[in-house]
Amino acid sequence: MTKENLDNWDDFCGSNFLKTINVANEQDAFVCIGVEIFEDKESNSKPRLTLEKQEKEYIFDLNVTNANFCKNNKIFSPRTLIGKKIYFKKVLVNSPKSGKEVESLRICKVE
């Protein structure tokens, strides 16, 4: 959980999902501090990561592309991500909801 801070609105507005604006570049490391199973609206189960960077926590749901990256890079289970540094790159993808190209995050390295 984030620490409540009355010096800004960050803890009271929006959500704590990791967004492209939170990633400066591909050298920006986020530490995985937790993993749980999340069930989406279509009743599909997927891993939900809790990431931390500079004492701020973010949530990141692993889609099929990011899960396959982990599997193909010898991350043998979602639970083994705990304690690892995860790095992201920004990519353009087609949004299934809007049909437009949007910026998204892809895992590019796990240490």
Protein backbone atom coordinates (compact mmCIF):
# COMPACT_ATOMS: atom_id res chain seq x y z
CA MET A 1 0.00 0.00 0.00
CA THR A 2 1.11 3.53 -0.63
CA LYS A 3 1.67 5.78 2.31
CA GLU A 4 -0.93 8.50 2.61
CA ASN A 5 0.58 11.86 1.81
CA LEU A 6 -1.30 15.11 2.28
CA ASP A 7 1.24 17.04 0.20
CA ASN A 8 -0.29 15.87 -3.10
CA TRP A 9 -3.33 14.10 -4.56
CA ASP A 10 -1.55 10.92 -5.71
CA ASP A 11 -3.02 8.69 -3.00
CA PHE A 12 -6.57 9.93 -3.49
CA CYS A 13 -7.13 10.17 -7.24
CA GLY A 14 -6.97 7.57 -9.95
CA SER A 15 -5.61 4.09 -9.50
CA ASN A 16 -2.22 2.64 -8.74
CA PHE A 17 -1.96 0.59 -11.96
CA LEU A 18 1.42 0.97 -13.63
CA LYS A 19 1.08 3.25 -16.65
CA THR A 20 3.47 4.27 -19.38
CA ILE A 21 3.90 7.67 -17.73
CA ASN A 22 5.37 5.90 -14.66
CA VAL A 23 8.21 4.36 -16.72
CA ALA A 24 10.98 6.81 -17.63
CA ASN A 25 12.98 4.46 -19.87
CA GLU A 26 14.10 0.83 -20.27
CA GLN A 27 16.63 1.19 -17.43
CA ASP A 28 13.87 2.10 -14.94
CA ALA A 29 13.62 -0.84 -12.48
CA PHE A 30 10.52 -1.90 -10.55
CA VAL A 31 10.85 -4.56 -7.84
CA CYS A 32 8.15 -7.22 -7.66
CA ILE A 33 7.01 -7.42 -4.03
CA GLY A 34 3.94 -9.60 -4.47
CA VAL A 35 1.92 -11.80 -6.84
CA GLU A 36 -1.72 -12.83 -6.67
CA ILE A 37 -4.33 -14.27 -9.01
CA PHE A 38 -6.72 -11.75 -10.54
CA GLU A 39 -9.92 -12.68 -12.36
CA ASP A 40 -10.94 -10.25 -15.10
CA LYS A 41 -14.48 -9.42 -16.29
CA GLU A 42 -14.47 -12.41 -18.65
CA SER A 43 -13.56 -14.75 -15.75
CA ASN A 44 -10.03 -15.26 -17.05
CA SER A 45 -7.42 -15.74 -14.34
CA LYS A 46 -4.11 -13.96 -14.69
CA PRO A 47 -1.21 -13.05 -12.41
CA ARG A 48 -1.36 -9.59 -10.85
CA LEU A 49 2.00 -8.21 -9.75
CA THR A 50 2.57 -5.66 -7.03
CA LEU A 51 5.60 -3.59 -8.01
CA GLU A 52 7.53 -1.03 -6.01
CA LYS A 53 9.71 1.87 -7.06
CA GLN A 54 10.93 4.56 -4.67
CA GLU A 55 8.49 3.46 -1.93
CA LYS A 56 5.47 3.75 -4.24
CA GLU A 57 3.49 0.65 -5.14
CA TYR A 58 1.96 -0.14 -8.51
CA ILE A 59 -0.25 -2.96 -9.79
CA PHE A 60 0.51 -4.65 -13.11
CA ASP A 61 -1.59 -7.45 -14.59
CA LEU A 62 0.38 -9.89 -16.74
CA ASN A 63 -1.26 -10.26 -20.14
CA VAL A 64 -0.44 -13.19 -22.40
CA THR A 65 2.42 -11.35 -24.14
CA ASN A 66 4.17 -10.42 -20.88
CA ALA A 67 3.52 -13.85 -19.34
CA ASN A 68 5.05 -15.50 -22.42
CA PHE A 69 8.09 -13.22 -22.15
CA CYS A 70 8.62 -14.45 -18.58
CA LYS A 71 8.10 -18.10 -19.49
CA ASN A 72 10.45 -17.86 -22.49
CA ASN A 73 13.12 -16.26 -20.27
CA LYS A 74 13.19 -19.09 -17.74
CA ILE A 75 10.94 -17.49 -15.12
CA PHE A 76 9.44 -20.81 -14.09
CA SER A 77 6.36 -19.47 -12.27
CA PRO A 78 4.72 -16.13 -11.44
CA ARG A 79 5.75 -16.56 -7.80
CA THR A 80 9.45 -16.59 -8.76
CA LEU A 81 9.11 -12.96 -9.87
CA ILE A 82 8.93 -11.86 -6.23
CA GLY A 83 12.11 -9.99 -5.33
CA LYS A 84 13.17 -9.57 -8.97
CA LYS A 85 13.75 -6.29 -10.77
CA ILE A 86 11.45 -5.88 -13.78
CA TYR A 87 12.16 -3.48 -16.63
CA PHE A 88 9.64 -2.27 -19.21
CA LYS A 89 9.67 -0.79 -22.68
CA LYS A 90 6.92 1.32 -24.20
CA VAL A 91 5.28 -0.03 -27.34
CA LEU A 92 2.36 0.94 -29.55
CA VAL A 93 -0.49 -1.60 -29.68
CA ASN A 94 -4.01 -1.65 -31.08
CA SER A 95 -6.60 -1.24 -28.34
CA PRO A 96 -9.34 -3.86 -28.65
CA LYS A 97 -11.81 -1.43 -27.02
CA SER A 98 -11.20 1.64 -29.17
CA GLY A 99 -9.53 0.10 -32.23
CA LYS A 100 -6.92 2.85 -31.99
CA GLU A 101 -3.19 2.65 -31.46
CA VAL A 102 -2.23 3.26 -27.81
CA GLU A 103 0.98 3.17 -25.81
CA SER A 104 1.43 0.07 -23.67
CA LEU A 105 4.10 -1.60 -21.52
CA ARG A 106 6.03 -4.76 -22.35
CA ILE A 107 8.48 -6.45 -20.03
CA CYS A 108 11.92 -6.23 -21.62
CA LYS A 109 14.15 -7.61 -18.85
CA VAL A 110 13.91 -9.42 -15.50
CA GLU A 111 16.87 -9.62 -13.11
